[in-house]
């Protein structure tokens, strides 16, 4: 039975690497798939990993109808055994429903990869619909780490190294470099306190000791 599976985690948890690995594993067994992505850091039409791996992909736009496109490909006699859908948090709820129809009506596996929540800890619309419809939801096993060394559970948006909680839900940035708008993963404690790595460094903060720690 075909499935709609959503692999999700924070930034830096290896979702794009897993997407590329999943495509490789299925293609190496003779299966034919399509790769989709939206607003990848490397530019339009590319699925890229922070490890330096990348592959050409179909750029997802607001008006793309997944179901219609796959049916057209099948009607031309081409095989489609699976779909790789990266940056799925940016898909519209309607597009997620199209992916579910591909699984149910066409018997094609869909592997979606994305981030659950935005910098305000609110679910992305695409991720919300995937959680509602997916046959399986898989938390990524690679744990991203906060600057303090704890497991990172939240995505933070920074401007000049300072965490912000206002603005458009989608603003393309990166977790590396000196971009004005950037992103950083934090544990819940430091996300709620607004303490980024740069803030901690400027205030000469160190990871806070456990309550029972002694000097």
N, C-alpha and C. Protein backbone atom coordinates (compact mmCIF):
# COMPACT_ATOMS: atom_id res chain seq x y z
N UNK A 1 0.84 -1.19 0.00
CA UNK A 1 0.00 0.00 0.00
C UNK A 1 0.88 1.25 0.00
N UNK A 2 0.52 2.18 -0.86
CA UNK A 2 1.25 3.45 -0.90
C UNK A 2 0.95 4.24 0.37
N UNK A 3 1.91 5.09 0.76
CA UNK A 3 1.76 5.88 1.98
C UNK A 3 2.18 7.33 1.76
N UNK A 4 1.59 8.19 2.57
CA UNK A 4 2.03 9.58 2.69
C UNK A 4 2.74 9.68 4.03
N UNK A 5 4.06 9.89 3.98
CA UNK A 5 4.87 9.92 5.20
C UNK A 5 5.47 11.31 5.34
N UNK A 6 5.36 11.88 6.53
CA UNK A 6 5.92 13.21 6.78
C UNK A 6 7.07 13.09 7.77
N UNK A 7 8.27 13.40 7.30
CA UNK A 7 9.47 13.43 8.13
C UNK A 7 9.69 14.88 8.54
N UNK A 8 9.68 15.14 9.83
CA UNK A 8 9.75 16.53 10.27
C UNK A 8 10.73 16.70 11.42
N UNK A 9 11.23 17.92 11.54
CA UNK A 9 12.15 18.26 12.61
C UNK A 9 12.48 19.73 12.55
N UNK A 10 13.38 20.18 13.38
CA UNK A 10 13.82 21.57 13.34
C UNK A 10 14.81 21.74 12.20
N UNK A 11 15.25 22.97 11.98
CA UNK A 11 16.36 23.19 11.08
C UNK A 11 17.58 22.45 11.63
N UNK A 12 18.50 22.12 10.75
CA UNK A 12 19.74 21.42 11.11
C UNK A 12 19.51 19.99 11.58
N UNK A 13 18.33 19.43 11.34
CA UNK A 13 18.07 18.05 11.76
C UNK A 13 18.26 17.05 10.62
N UNK A 14 18.72 17.53 9.47
CA UNK A 14 19.07 16.63 8.37
C UNK A 14 17.93 16.24 7.46
N UNK A 15 16.87 17.03 7.38
CA UNK A 15 15.72 16.63 6.57
C UNK A 15 16.05 16.57 5.08
N UNK A 16 16.78 17.56 4.57
CA UNK A 16 17.11 17.55 3.14
C UNK A 16 18.10 16.45 2.81
N UNK A 17 19.02 16.17 3.73
CA UNK A 17 19.95 15.05 3.54
C UNK A 17 19.18 13.74 3.46
N UNK A 18 18.20 13.58 4.35
CA UNK A 18 17.38 12.36 4.33
C UNK A 18 16.55 12.29 3.06
N UNK A 19 16.05 13.43 2.58
CA UNK A 19 15.28 13.44 1.34
C UNK A 19 16.13 12.94 0.18
N UNK A 20 17.37 13.41 0.09
CA UNK A 20 18.27 12.98 -0.97
C UNK A 20 18.63 11.51 -0.82
N UNK A 21 18.84 11.07 0.41
CA UNK A 21 19.17 9.66 0.65
C UNK A 21 18.00 8.76 0.29
N UNK A 22 16.78 9.20 0.63
CA UNK A 22 15.59 8.42 0.31
C UNK A 22 15.43 8.27 -1.20
N UNK A 23 15.64 9.37 -1.92
CA UNK A 23 15.56 9.31 -3.38
C UNK A 23 16.60 8.35 -3.94
N UNK A 24 17.81 8.42 -3.43
CA UNK A 24 18.88 7.53 -3.89
C UNK A 24 18.53 6.07 -3.64
N UNK A 25 18.04 5.76 -2.43
CA UNK A 25 17.73 4.38 -2.10
C UNK A 25 16.67 3.79 -3.01
N UNK A 26 15.63 4.56 -3.31
CA UNK A 26 14.56 4.05 -4.17
C UNK A 26 15.00 3.98 -5.63
N UNK A 27 15.72 5.00 -6.09
CA UNK A 27 16.20 5.00 -7.48
C UNK A 27 17.18 3.86 -7.73
N UNK A 28 17.99 3.53 -6.73
CA UNK A 28 18.98 2.45 -6.90
C UNK A 28 18.31 1.09 -7.03
N UNK A 29 17.04 1.02 -6.66
CA UNK A 29 16.29 -0.24 -6.80
C UNK A 29 15.38 -0.21 -8.02
N UNK A 30 15.64 0.73 -8.92
CA UNK A 30 14.90 0.77 -10.18
C UNK A 30 13.58 1.51 -10.13
N UNK A 31 13.28 2.15 -9.01
CA UNK A 31 12.05 2.92 -8.91
C UNK A 31 12.28 4.32 -9.48
N UNK A 32 11.25 4.87 -10.07
CA UNK A 32 11.35 6.19 -10.69
C UNK A 32 10.54 7.21 -9.89
N UNK A 33 11.18 8.30 -9.56
CA UNK A 33 10.51 9.29 -8.73
C UNK A 33 10.67 10.70 -9.25
N UNK A 34 9.92 11.60 -8.63
CA UNK A 34 9.99 13.02 -8.91
C UNK A 34 10.41 13.74 -7.64
N UNK A 35 11.28 14.73 -7.78
CA UNK A 35 11.75 15.51 -6.63
C UNK A 35 11.16 16.91 -6.71
N UNK A 36 10.54 17.33 -5.62
CA UNK A 36 9.96 18.67 -5.55
C UNK A 36 10.56 19.42 -4.35
N UNK A 37 10.66 20.71 -4.47
CA UNK A 37 11.08 21.53 -3.35
C UNK A 37 10.54 22.94 -3.54
N UNK A 38 10.65 23.74 -2.48
CA UNK A 38 10.20 25.12 -2.58
C UNK A 38 11.09 26.02 -1.72
N UNK A 39 11.60 27.05 -2.33
CA UNK A 39 12.42 28.05 -1.64
C UNK A 39 13.63 27.42 -0.94
N UNK A 40 14.30 26.53 -1.64
CA UNK A 40 15.52 25.95 -1.10
C UNK A 40 16.60 27.03 -1.02
N UNK A 41 17.49 26.91 -0.04
CA UNK A 41 18.55 27.90 0.17
C UNK A 41 19.46 28.04 -1.05
N UNK A 42 19.55 26.98 -1.87
CA UNK A 42 20.46 27.00 -3.02
C UNK A 42 19.83 27.66 -4.25
N UNK A 43 18.54 27.97 -4.18
CA UNK A 43 17.87 28.61 -5.32
C UNK A 43 16.76 27.75 -5.89
N UNK A 44 16.07 28.30 -6.87
CA UNK A 44 14.91 27.61 -7.46
C UNK A 44 15.35 26.35 -8.19
N UNK A 45 14.54 25.30 -8.04
CA UNK A 45 14.78 24.07 -8.78
C UNK A 45 15.95 23.25 -8.28
N UNK A 46 16.33 23.41 -7.02
CA UNK A 46 17.43 22.64 -6.45
C UNK A 46 17.04 22.16 -5.06
N UNK A 47 17.31 20.89 -4.78
CA UNK A 47 17.17 20.35 -3.43
C UNK A 47 18.59 20.21 -2.90
N UNK A 48 18.91 20.95 -1.86
CA UNK A 48 20.29 20.95 -1.36
C UNK A 48 20.34 20.60 0.12
N UNK A 49 21.46 20.03 0.51
CA UNK A 49 21.72 19.67 1.89
C UNK A 49 22.87 20.52 2.41
N UNK A 50 22.88 20.76 3.72
CA UNK A 50 23.98 21.51 4.32
C UNK A 50 25.30 20.75 4.25
N UNK A 51 25.24 19.45 3.93
CA UNK A 51 26.45 18.67 3.78
C UNK A 51 27.09 18.86 2.42
N UNK A 52 26.43 19.64 1.55
CA UNK A 52 26.99 19.90 0.23
C UNK A 52 26.39 19.06 -0.88
N UNK A 53 25.45 18.17 -0.55
CA UNK A 53 24.78 17.35 -1.55
C UNK A 53 23.63 18.13 -2.16
N UNK A 54 23.35 17.88 -3.43
CA UNK A 54 22.19 18.53 -4.05
C UNK A 54 21.73 17.74 -5.27
N UNK A 55 20.53 18.03 -5.70
CA UNK A 55 19.94 17.37 -6.87
C UNK A 55 18.95 18.32 -7.52
N UNK A 56 18.79 18.22 -8.85
CA UNK A 56 17.77 19.05 -9.50
C UNK A 56 16.39 18.66 -9.04
N UNK A 57 15.52 19.64 -8.94
CA UNK A 57 14.17 19.40 -8.44
C UNK A 57 13.18 20.29 -9.18
N UNK A 58 11.92 19.96 -9.05
CA UNK A 58 10.84 20.77 -9.61
C UNK A 58 10.45 21.79 -8.55
N UNK A 59 10.47 23.07 -8.92
CA UNK A 59 10.12 24.12 -7.97
C UNK A 59 8.60 24.18 -7.78
N UNK A 60 8.17 24.14 -6.56
CA UNK A 60 6.74 24.18 -6.23
C UNK A 60 6.30 25.64 -6.17
N UNK A 61 5.31 25.98 -6.97
CA UNK A 61 4.73 27.32 -6.96
C UNK A 61 3.33 27.25 -6.38
N UNK A 62 2.75 28.41 -6.10
CA UNK A 62 1.42 28.46 -5.49
C UNK A 62 0.35 27.77 -6.34
N UNK A 63 0.52 27.85 -7.68
CA UNK A 63 -0.51 27.31 -8.56
C UNK A 63 -0.22 25.89 -9.05
N UNK A 64 0.83 25.26 -8.54
CA UNK A 64 1.13 23.89 -8.95
C UNK A 64 0.09 22.94 -8.39
N UNK A 65 -0.45 22.09 -9.27
CA UNK A 65 -1.38 21.04 -8.85
C UNK A 65 -0.64 19.71 -8.98
N UNK A 66 -0.23 19.14 -7.85
CA UNK A 66 0.55 17.91 -7.87
C UNK A 66 -0.20 16.78 -8.57
N UNK A 67 -1.46 16.62 -8.24
CA UNK A 67 -2.23 15.51 -8.78
C UNK A 67 -2.36 15.63 -10.30
N UNK A 68 -2.69 16.81 -10.76
CA UNK A 68 -2.83 17.02 -12.20
C UNK A 68 -1.50 16.77 -12.93
N UNK A 69 -0.41 17.25 -12.34
CA UNK A 69 0.90 17.09 -12.99
C UNK A 69 1.30 15.62 -13.08
N UNK A 70 1.10 14.87 -12.01
CA UNK A 70 1.47 13.46 -12.03
C UNK A 70 0.58 12.68 -13.00
N UNK A 71 -0.70 13.00 -13.04
CA UNK A 71 -1.60 12.32 -13.99
C UNK A 71 -1.16 12.59 -15.43
N UNK A 72 -0.76 13.81 -15.72
CA UNK A 72 -0.28 14.15 -17.06
C UNK A 72 0.97 13.35 -17.41
N UNK A 73 1.87 13.21 -16.47
CA UNK A 73 3.09 12.43 -16.71
C UNK A 73 2.75 10.97 -16.97
N UNK A 74 1.85 10.41 -16.17
CA UNK A 74 1.43 9.03 -16.35
C UNK A 74 0.73 8.83 -17.68
N UNK A 75 -0.06 9.81 -18.12
CA UNK A 75 -0.80 9.70 -19.38
C UNK A 75 0.12 9.68 -20.59
N UNK A 76 1.36 10.14 -20.42
CA UNK A 76 2.35 10.09 -21.50
C UNK A 76 3.16 8.80 -21.46
N UNK A 77 2.73 7.88 -20.64
CA UNK A 77 3.38 6.57 -20.59
C UNK A 77 4.60 6.48 -19.71
N UNK A 78 4.87 7.51 -18.92
CA UNK A 78 6.03 7.49 -18.04
C UNK A 78 5.65 6.91 -16.69
N UNK A 79 6.62 6.31 -16.03
CA UNK A 79 6.41 5.74 -14.70
C UNK A 79 6.68 6.76 -13.62
N UNK A 80 5.87 6.70 -12.58
CA UNK A 80 6.14 7.47 -11.37
C UNK A 80 5.83 6.54 -10.20
N UNK A 81 6.87 6.18 -9.45
CA UNK A 81 6.69 5.27 -8.33
C UNK A 81 6.65 5.98 -6.99
N UNK A 82 7.26 7.17 -6.92
CA UNK A 82 7.29 7.89 -5.65
C UNK A 82 7.57 9.36 -5.88
N UNK A 83 7.24 10.17 -4.88
CA UNK A 83 7.52 11.60 -4.89
C UNK A 83 8.35 11.94 -3.66
N UNK A 84 9.36 12.76 -3.87
CA UNK A 84 10.13 13.35 -2.78
C UNK A 84 9.71 14.81 -2.70
N UNK A 85 9.19 15.24 -1.57
CA UNK A 85 8.67 16.60 -1.43
C UNK A 85 9.37 17.31 -0.26
N UNK A 86 10.39 18.08 -0.59
CA UNK A 86 11.14 18.77 0.46
C UNK A 86 10.57 20.16 0.70
N UNK A 87 10.91 20.75 1.84
CA UNK A 87 10.38 22.05 2.26
C UNK A 87 8.86 22.05 2.22
N UNK A 88 8.28 20.94 2.65
CA UNK A 88 6.83 20.76 2.55
C UNK A 88 6.05 21.71 3.45
N UNK A 89 6.71 22.32 4.42
CA UNK A 89 6.01 23.29 5.27
C UNK A 89 5.52 24.48 4.48
N UNK A 90 6.15 24.73 3.32
CA UNK A 90 5.77 25.88 2.49
C UNK A 90 4.66 25.55 1.50
N UNK A 91 4.23 24.29 1.43
CA UNK A 91 3.14 23.93 0.51
C UNK A 91 1.82 24.44 1.08
N UNK A 92 0.86 24.66 0.21
CA UNK A 92 -0.46 25.09 0.67
C UNK A 92 -1.23 23.87 1.18
N UNK A 93 -2.23 24.06 2.04
CA UNK A 93 -3.06 22.94 2.47
C UNK A 93 -3.69 22.20 1.29
N UNK A 94 -4.11 22.92 0.25
CA UNK A 94 -4.68 22.27 -0.93
C UNK A 94 -3.66 21.35 -1.59
N UNK A 95 -2.41 21.79 -1.64
CA UNK A 95 -1.37 20.97 -2.27
C UNK A 95 -1.11 19.71 -1.44
N UNK A 96 -1.19 19.81 -0.13
CA UNK A 96 -1.03 18.63 0.71
C UNK A 96 -2.16 17.65 0.45
N UNK A 97 -3.37 18.15 0.26
CA UNK A 97 -4.50 17.28 -0.06
C UNK A 97 -4.30 16.61 -1.43
N UNK A 98 -3.68 17.32 -2.36
CA UNK A 98 -3.37 16.72 -3.67
C UNK A 98 -2.39 15.57 -3.50
N UNK A 99 -1.42 15.74 -2.62
CA UNK A 99 -0.47 14.66 -2.37
C UNK A 99 -1.17 13.43 -1.80
N UNK A 100 -2.13 13.66 -0.90
CA UNK A 100 -2.89 12.55 -0.33
C UNK A 100 -3.69 11.83 -1.42
N UNK A 101 -4.23 12.57 -2.36
CA UNK A 101 -4.99 11.97 -3.47
C UNK A 101 -4.07 11.15 -4.36
N UNK A 102 -2.84 11.59 -4.54
CA UNK A 102 -1.88 10.82 -5.33
C UNK A 102 -1.63 9.46 -4.69
N UNK A 103 -1.51 9.46 -3.38
CA UNK A 103 -1.31 8.20 -2.65
C UNK A 103 -2.54 7.31 -2.78
N UNK A 104 -3.71 7.87 -2.52
CA UNK A 104 -4.93 7.07 -2.47
C UNK A 104 -5.45 6.65 -3.84
N UNK A 105 -5.38 7.56 -4.82
CA UNK A 105 -5.98 7.28 -6.13
C UNK A 105 -5.01 6.66 -7.12
N UNK A 106 -3.72 6.98 -6.98
CA UNK A 106 -2.75 6.52 -7.97
C UNK A 106 -1.79 5.47 -7.41
N UNK A 107 -1.83 5.24 -6.11
CA UNK A 107 -0.97 4.22 -5.51
C UNK A 107 0.50 4.58 -5.55
N UNK A 108 0.81 5.86 -5.43
CA UNK A 108 2.19 6.34 -5.49
C UNK A 108 2.62 6.82 -4.11
N UNK A 109 3.79 6.38 -3.66
CA UNK A 109 4.31 6.80 -2.36
C UNK A 109 4.72 8.26 -2.39
N UNK A 110 4.42 8.98 -1.31
CA UNK A 110 4.85 10.37 -1.16
C UNK A 110 5.64 10.49 0.13
N UNK A 111 6.90 10.94 -0.01
CA UNK A 111 7.76 11.17 1.14
C UNK A 111 7.96 12.68 1.28
N UNK A 112 7.36 13.26 2.30
CA UNK A 112 7.43 14.71 2.52
C UNK A 112 8.40 15.00 3.66
N UNK A 113 9.11 16.12 3.52
CA UNK A 113 10.12 16.50 4.52
C UNK A 113 9.94 17.98 4.83
N UNK A 114 9.94 18.33 6.11
CA UNK A 114 9.74 19.73 6.42
C UNK A 114 9.92 20.07 7.89
N UNK A 115 9.66 21.33 8.17
CA UNK A 115 9.74 21.88 9.52
C UNK A 115 8.32 22.05 10.04
N UNK A 116 8.08 21.66 11.26
CA UNK A 116 6.73 21.76 11.81
C UNK A 116 6.31 23.20 12.09
N UNK A 117 7.12 23.93 12.85
CA UNK A 117 6.69 25.23 13.35
C UNK A 117 7.62 26.36 12.90
N UNK A 118 7.06 27.56 12.84
CA UNK A 118 7.83 28.72 12.41
C UNK A 118 8.58 29.35 13.59
N UNK A 119 9.15 30.52 13.36
CA UNK A 119 9.95 31.18 14.40
C UNK A 119 9.12 31.68 15.58
N UNK A 120 7.78 31.69 15.41
CA UNK A 120 6.90 32.08 16.51
C UNK A 120 6.31 30.87 17.22
N UNK A 121 6.80 29.69 16.88
CA UNK A 121 6.34 28.40 17.42
C UNK A 121 4.93 28.06 16.94
N UNK A 122 4.49 28.64 15.81
CA UNK A 122 3.19 28.33 15.23
C UNK A 122 3.37 27.36 14.07
N UNK A 123 2.48 26.38 13.95
CA UNK A 123 2.58 25.42 12.86
C UNK A 123 2.43 26.11 11.50
N UNK A 124 3.26 25.72 10.55
CA UNK A 124 3.06 26.16 9.18
C UNK A 124 1.77 25.52 8.66
N UNK A 125 1.00 26.23 7.81
CA UNK A 125 -0.23 25.64 7.28
C UNK A 125 -0.01 24.30 6.58
N UNK A 126 1.08 24.21 5.79
CA UNK A 126 1.37 22.95 5.10
C UNK A 126 1.67 21.83 6.07
N UNK A 127 2.44 22.14 7.11
CA UNK A 127 2.77 21.13 8.10
C UNK A 127 1.54 20.70 8.89
N UNK A 128 0.68 21.64 9.20
CA UNK A 128 -0.54 21.32 9.93
C UNK A 128 -1.39 20.33 9.14
N UNK A 129 -1.54 20.58 7.85
CA UNK A 129 -2.36 19.68 7.03
C UNK A 129 -1.69 18.31 6.87
N UNK A 130 -0.37 18.31 6.80
CA UNK A 130 0.34 17.03 6.72
C UNK A 130 0.16 16.22 7.99
N UNK A 131 0.20 16.87 9.14
CA UNK A 131 -0.03 16.17 10.40
C UNK A 131 -1.44 15.58 10.43
N UNK A 132 -2.38 16.30 9.85
CA UNK A 132 -3.77 15.84 9.84
C UNK A 132 -4.00 14.68 8.87
N UNK A 133 -3.23 14.62 7.78
CA UNK A 133 -3.52 13.66 6.71
C UNK A 133 -2.51 12.53 6.57
N UNK A 134 -1.31 12.70 7.05
CA UNK A 134 -0.25 11.72 6.79
C UNK A 134 -0.58 10.35 7.39
N UNK A 135 -0.18 9.31 6.67
CA UNK A 135 -0.31 7.95 7.21
C UNK A 135 0.66 7.75 8.37
N UNK A 136 1.82 8.37 8.25
CA UNK A 136 2.81 8.27 9.32
C UNK A 136 3.55 9.59 9.45
N UNK A 137 3.87 9.95 10.69
CA UNK A 137 4.69 11.13 10.96
C UNK A 137 5.95 10.64 11.66
N UNK A 138 7.09 10.94 11.07
CA UNK A 138 8.36 10.47 11.59
C UNK A 138 9.21 11.65 12.06
N UNK A 139 9.56 11.66 13.33
CA UNK A 139 10.48 12.69 13.82
C UNK A 139 11.89 12.32 13.38
N UNK A 140 12.60 13.28 12.84
CA UNK A 140 13.96 13.02 12.38
C UNK A 140 14.86 12.65 13.55
N UNK A 141 15.74 11.69 13.32
CA UNK A 141 16.54 11.13 14.41
C UNK A 141 17.79 11.95 14.73
N UNK A 142 18.23 12.79 13.78
CA UNK A 142 19.40 13.62 14.05
C UNK A 142 18.96 14.81 14.89
N UNK A 143 19.50 14.94 16.08
CA UNK A 143 19.10 16.01 16.98
C UNK A 143 19.93 17.26 16.75
N UNK A 144 19.26 18.35 16.42
CA UNK A 144 19.95 19.63 16.35
C UNK A 144 20.18 20.12 17.77
N UNK A 145 21.23 20.91 17.96
CA UNK A 145 21.59 21.36 19.30
C UNK A 145 21.51 22.87 19.42
N UNK A 146 21.00 23.31 20.55
CA UNK A 146 21.02 24.72 20.93
C UNK A 146 22.46 25.11 21.27
N UNK A 147 22.74 26.40 21.32
CA UNK A 147 24.09 26.86 21.66
C UNK A 147 24.54 26.37 23.03
N UNK A 148 23.56 26.07 23.90
CA UNK A 148 23.89 25.61 25.25
C UNK A 148 24.20 24.13 25.31
N UNK A 149 23.98 23.42 24.19
CA UNK A 149 24.25 21.99 24.15
C UNK A 149 23.03 21.12 24.35
N UNK A 150 21.91 21.72 24.75
CA UNK A 150 20.66 20.97 24.92
C UNK A 150 20.04 20.71 23.55
N UNK A 151 19.12 19.75 23.52
CA UNK A 151 18.44 19.44 22.26
C UNK A 151 17.62 20.64 21.80
N UNK A 152 17.83 21.04 20.55
CA UNK A 152 17.08 22.17 20.00
C UNK A 152 15.69 21.71 19.58
N UNK A 153 14.69 22.44 19.99
CA UNK A 153 13.30 22.08 19.69
C UNK A 153 12.55 23.18 18.96
N UNK A 154 13.15 24.38 18.87
CA UNK A 154 12.46 25.52 18.28
C UNK A 154 13.37 26.25 17.29
N UNK A 155 12.73 26.83 16.28
CA UNK A 155 13.44 27.62 15.28
C UNK A 155 13.29 29.10 15.62
N UNK A 156 14.38 29.81 15.63
CA UNK A 156 14.35 31.24 15.93
C UNK A 156 14.80 32.04 14.71
N UNK A 157 14.14 33.17 14.47
CA UNK A 157 14.57 34.09 13.44
C UNK A 157 15.35 35.22 14.11
N UNK A 158 16.47 35.58 13.54
CA UNK A 158 17.27 36.65 14.11
C UNK A 158 17.51 37.74 13.07
N UNK A 159 17.62 38.95 13.55
CA UNK A 159 18.00 40.09 12.73
C UNK A 159 19.21 40.71 13.40
N UNK A 160 20.34 40.62 12.75
CA UNK A 160 21.57 41.11 13.36
C UNK A 160 21.94 40.35 14.61
N UNK A 161 21.55 39.07 14.67
CA UNK A 161 21.87 38.24 15.83
C UNK A 161 20.89 38.34 16.96
N UNK A 162 19.89 39.23 16.83
CA UNK A 162 18.88 39.41 17.88
C UNK A 162 17.60 38.71 17.47
N UNK A 163 17.04 37.92 18.36
CA UNK A 163 15.83 37.17 18.05
C UNK A 163 14.63 38.09 17.90
N UNK A 164 13.80 37.82 16.88
CA UNK A 164 12.59 38.61 16.65
C UNK A 164 11.39 37.68 16.65
N UNK A 165 10.22 38.21 17.00
CA UNK A 165 8.99 37.43 17.06
C UNK A 165 7.89 38.04 16.20
N UNK A 166 8.23 39.01 15.36
CA UNK A 166 7.26 39.62 14.48
C UNK A 166 7.78 39.60 13.06
N UNK A 167 6.83 39.62 12.11
CA UNK A 167 7.21 39.62 10.71
C UNK A 167 6.46 38.57 9.94
N UNK A 168 6.69 38.52 8.62
CA UNK A 168 6.05 37.54 7.76
C UNK A 168 6.46 36.13 8.18
N UNK A 169 5.55 35.18 8.00
CA UNK A 169 5.84 33.82 8.42
C UNK A 169 7.00 33.23 7.61
N UNK A 170 7.06 33.56 6.32
CA UNK A 170 8.10 33.01 5.46
C UNK A 170 9.03 34.11 4.99
N UNK A 171 10.25 34.06 5.44
CA UNK A 171 11.32 34.94 4.97
C UNK A 171 12.54 34.05 4.79
N UNK A 172 13.05 33.96 3.57
CA UNK A 172 14.16 33.06 3.31
C UNK A 172 15.43 33.58 3.96
N UNK A 173 16.11 32.72 4.68
CA UNK A 173 17.38 33.05 5.30
C UNK A 173 18.19 31.78 5.43
N UNK A 174 19.23 31.80 6.24
CA UNK A 174 20.04 30.61 6.44
C UNK A 174 20.51 30.57 7.88
N UNK A 175 21.15 29.47 8.24
CA UNK A 175 21.65 29.33 9.60
C UNK A 175 23.14 29.60 9.66
N UNK A 176 23.73 30.00 8.54
CA UNK A 176 25.16 30.25 8.50
C UNK A 176 25.42 31.60 7.86
N UNK A 177 26.62 32.13 8.10
CA UNK A 177 26.98 33.40 7.47
C UNK A 177 26.52 34.60 8.28
N UNK A 178 26.68 35.78 7.67
CA UNK A 178 26.36 37.03 8.34
C UNK A 178 25.15 37.72 7.73
N UNK A 179 24.19 36.95 7.26
CA UNK A 179 23.00 37.53 6.67
C UNK A 179 22.25 38.36 7.71
N UNK A 180 21.60 39.44 7.24
CA UNK A 180 20.84 40.29 8.15
C UNK A 180 19.73 39.48 8.80
N UNK A 181 18.97 38.74 7.97
CA UNK A 181 17.93 37.84 8.49
C UNK A 181 18.50 36.43 8.47
N UNK A 182 18.53 35.81 9.61
CA UNK A 182 19.07 34.45 9.70
C UNK A 182 18.20 33.63 10.64
N UNK A 183 18.54 32.35 10.75
CA UNK A 183 17.78 31.45 11.61
C UNK A 183 18.73 30.67 12.51
N UNK A 184 18.22 30.31 13.66
CA UNK A 184 19.02 29.58 14.64
C UNK A 184 18.10 28.65 15.39
N UNK A 185 18.60 27.47 15.71
CA UNK A 185 17.79 26.52 16.49
C UNK A 185 18.14 26.68 17.97
N UNK A 186 17.10 26.66 18.80
CA UNK A 186 17.27 26.86 20.24
C UNK A 186 16.46 25.82 21.02
N UNK A 187 16.88 25.56 22.23
CA UNK A 187 16.04 24.76 23.12
C UNK A 187 14.85 25.64 23.54
N UNK A 188 13.81 25.04 24.09
CA UNK A 188 12.63 25.82 24.45
C UNK A 188 12.95 26.91 25.48
N UNK A 189 13.79 26.58 26.44
CA UNK A 189 14.13 27.54 27.49
C UNK A 189 14.72 28.82 26.89
N UNK A 190 15.69 28.67 26.00
CA UNK A 190 16.34 29.86 25.46
C UNK A 190 15.52 30.53 24.36
N UNK A 191 14.64 29.77 23.70
CA UNK A 191 13.73 30.40 22.75
C UNK A 191 12.75 31.30 23.50
N UNK A 192 12.20 30.81 24.59
CA UNK A 192 11.23 31.60 25.35
C UNK A 192 11.88 32.82 25.99
N UNK A 193 13.18 32.73 26.28
CA UNK A 193 13.89 33.86 26.87
C UNK A 193 14.52 34.77 25.80
N UNK A 194 14.49 34.32 24.54
CA UNK A 194 15.06 35.12 23.46
C UNK A 194 16.57 35.19 23.50
N UNK A 195 17.21 34.16 24.00
CA UNK A 195 18.67 34.17 24.13
C UNK A 195 19.29 33.38 22.98
N UNK A 196 19.86 34.08 22.02
CA UNK A 196 20.55 33.45 20.90
C UNK A 196 22.02 33.26 21.24
N UNK A 197 22.74 32.60 20.35
CA UNK A 197 24.17 32.38 20.58
C UNK A 197 24.92 33.70 20.68
N UNK A 198 24.55 34.66 19.80
CA UNK A 198 25.24 35.95 19.84
C UNK A 198 24.92 36.72 21.11
N UNK A 199 23.65 36.64 21.54
CA UNK A 199 23.28 37.30 22.79
C UNK A 199 24.05 36.70 23.96
N UNK A 200 24.13 35.37 24.00
CA UNK A 200 24.85 34.70 25.08
C UNK A 200 26.32 35.09 25.09
N UNK A 201 26.90 35.18 23.90
CA UNK A 201 28.31 35.54 23.80
C UNK A 201 28.56 36.96 24.26
N UNK A 202 27.66 37.87 23.85
CA UNK A 202 27.85 39.28 24.22
C UNK A 202 27.69 39.51 25.72
N UNK A 203 26.89 38.65 26.35
CA UNK A 203 26.66 38.78 27.79
C UNK A 203 27.52 37.82 28.61
N UNK A 204 28.45 37.16 27.91
CA UNK A 204 29.38 36.22 28.55
C UNK A 204 28.62 35.16 29.34
N UNK A 205 27.53 34.68 28.73
CA UNK A 205 26.74 33.65 29.39
C UNK A 205 27.32 32.28 29.06
N UNK A 206 27.11 31.35 29.95
CA UNK A 206 27.48 29.96 29.71
C UNK A 206 26.26 29.11 29.97
N UNK A 207 26.26 27.88 29.48
CA UNK A 207 25.10 27.01 29.74
C UNK A 207 24.78 26.98 31.23
N UNK A 208 23.50 27.15 31.54
CA UNK A 208 23.11 27.24 32.94
C UNK A 208 23.23 25.87 33.62
N UNK A 209 23.73 25.83 34.83
CA UNK A 209 23.88 24.54 35.54
C UNK A 209 22.52 23.99 35.94
N UNK A 210 22.51 22.68 36.16
CA UNK A 210 21.29 22.07 36.68
C UNK A 210 21.05 22.57 38.10
N UNK A 211 19.80 22.56 38.56
CA UNK A 211 19.47 23.09 39.90
C UNK A 211 20.28 22.48 41.03
N UNK A 212 20.70 21.21 40.87
CA UNK A 212 21.40 20.56 41.96
C UNK A 212 22.91 20.63 41.82
N UNK A 213 23.41 21.36 40.80
CA UNK A 213 24.85 21.45 40.61
C UNK A 213 25.48 22.27 41.74
N UNK A 214 26.70 21.92 42.10
CA UNK A 214 27.42 22.65 43.14
C UNK A 214 28.71 23.22 42.55
N UNK A 215 29.14 24.34 43.10
CA UNK A 215 30.40 24.93 42.68
C UNK A 215 31.58 24.06 43.14
